[in-house]
Amino acid sequence: MPVLSWKDAATPGHGAGPPGDDRAAGIGELALRHLDAAYNLGRWLLGNEQDAADAVHDAFLRATASGGSRVDGNPRAWWLAIVRNCCLARLAVHGRERRNVALDQVAAEHGRDAADAVVPPLDEPIEERLEHEQRRALVRHHLARLPPEFREVLLLRELEALSYREIADVLDLPIGTVMSRLARGRAALQKAINPAANEVDDGL
């Protein structure tokens, strides 16, 4: 993971805001505590390392500027919602073409955790282990190609282990919509991974 320029400012002792601003310091600690989750979300939404780092930096500045005045309920969901909004703002400015091209690299280099969450690791003989590694690579490949609304709920649920309520808060959606997108995303991923099986099902 790249070193982010704001990490020293967010580290307790360096100060995330003006001296004596305990709320700003608390936001810095919150950002660091959930840095991996924020960076993973940014990387999968934007498609490359630098844009993800820049979006997390933007989110930190926005969060500290707010003073945490709107933190209510779940601080992690509040922080990830800001990260997501900053990612969407960058997509609106820079367009989606660069993201779509770069997602291949993200899936190849950083998709292992996401694929392992969907296809859990098994204690298995070497032949079966190789087969499952190929399947994980296939999951990473197709996960990167899911529509963003499906990909983000799968990542937040399967990789970051957020609850339905937390995902709903991050995405500003009803819980029912979150559950629907999860079901549809899992179905779309399964269909992409096993097209032959789906053809058999369709023919029954």
Foldseek 3Di string as FASTA:
>chain_A
DDDAPCLQCQDPPNHVDPPPLVLSNVLSVLCVVCVVVQLVLLCLLQQDNPRSSVLSVVLSVVCSVVSCPPDDDDNNLVSSLSSVVSSVVVCVVPPCPVNLVRLVVCLVPPVQLLLCLVVPDDDDDPVVNVVVVVLSSLLSVVLSVDPPLLSSLSCCCRRVVDDLVSVCSSVVHDSVVSVVSPVVSVVSSVCSSCVVVVVVVVVD
